[in-house]
Amino acid sequence: MDELLNRFVEYIFIEKGLAANTLDAYKRDLTKFFSYLEAQHIDDLKAVNKDVLAAYLFYQKKKSISPSTIARQIAALKGFFRFLCLEDLLETDPTIYIETPKLKKKLPYILTVEEVDTLLQEPHGLEPMQLRDKAMLELLYATGMRVSEMINLNMKQVHMELAFVRCIGKGNKERIIPMGSYATKCVKEYLEKGRPHLIRNPQETTLFINHHGKRMTRQGFWKIIKKHAKKAGINKDITPHTLRHSFATHLLANGADLRSVQELLGHADVSTTQIYTHLNKKRLKEVYDQTHPRA
C-alpha cells in the first residue's frame, strides 16, 4: 500500500499540479485510512467496498473532526481509488457511492484599513530582523500572496526597478504582481541593510531569511505576525492568511473589479474570489447599523 500511495502522490503531482501542502495532506489522510484497514484486518484493497468506506467515515466523524477535514479525506479517497481504476488495479471504484459534503463557506476574518496601518507600522526598528519583518508584512499586504508563496520567493523573482514580484502559485502557475511603493521601499531597505546580516551562505538565493540563515517557514511567519499584532494592540485572531483576505476585501471596497482581484490572488475560479464581495456587504451592514440614526 505504501508503494501505491507513493505512485498516487506522484501521479496527482504531475497530472493535477496540486500544491505541496495538499499532497502532504492527502498522503496523511490515506495513511490513516490504511491504518484503519490494517486494524480491521483488511489487507486487500479489492475488499474495500461502500460499507467499509462508510464505516471508516463514521469512525472519523466520531473523533469530532471538522467537516472541512472530512471533505478533504473524502477527496483523497476518491482520487486514490480513481487512480487504482485508471491503473487497472481495480475494476470498480467503491467511492462512487460517497457524496462529498457541501461546505458552508465561512467568511474570513479581515483587518480594517486602520488596523492594517497599525500592524504595518509596528516593526519600526533598524535591526536586520525588524527590517525583514516589516518587509514581509508590507509585501504580503501589497500583493495578496499566500504565505507559502511569499516564503518560497527567491531573489530573482523580485524586480526592484519595475516594482513587481514574479509569484509561483498553486499548480506551479506563475503570476506577476505589482508591489506598490511602500512595499518596494521596505523590501529595498531589507535587501540593503537587513538580509546581508542574516545570510550565512553567500550563495543563498532565498529572499526572506530566518535567524538560522535559512528560508523562513510558515510556522516562523505565523509567530512573527502574532507577535507584531499583539504589540500593535490588535486583539483579532490573526492568521498568516489575514493580510491576504484584507488585501482582497480592501481592493473590492475601493472599486477594483472582481476579475482583476481574481488574477492578483491567483484563484482558478472567480467563485472563490466572490466570498470577498460578501465581506463587503457584511461590512456595509455593520457601518449602517452603527451610523444610521434609525438603524
Foldseek 3Di string as FASTA:
>chain_A
DVVLLVVLLVCCCVPVQFDPVLSVLLSVLVVVVVVVCVVVVNDAPQPDALVSVVVVLVVVVVVVDDLVSSLSSLVSLQSSQVVCVVVVVYVDRRSVPPDRDDDDDDQDDADDPVLLVLLLCQLPDLELVSLLLSLLSLQCLQQLEQPVQQLPDWPVQADLVQQWGWTQDGSRDTAITHRDDVSSVSLVSSVVRHLVVQADDPPGGGSRADNVNHGADLVNSQVSSVVSSVVSVNPDPDGSNRSSLHSLLVCVVVPDDLVVNCRSHVPPDSVVSCSSVVVVVVVVVVCCVVPPPVD
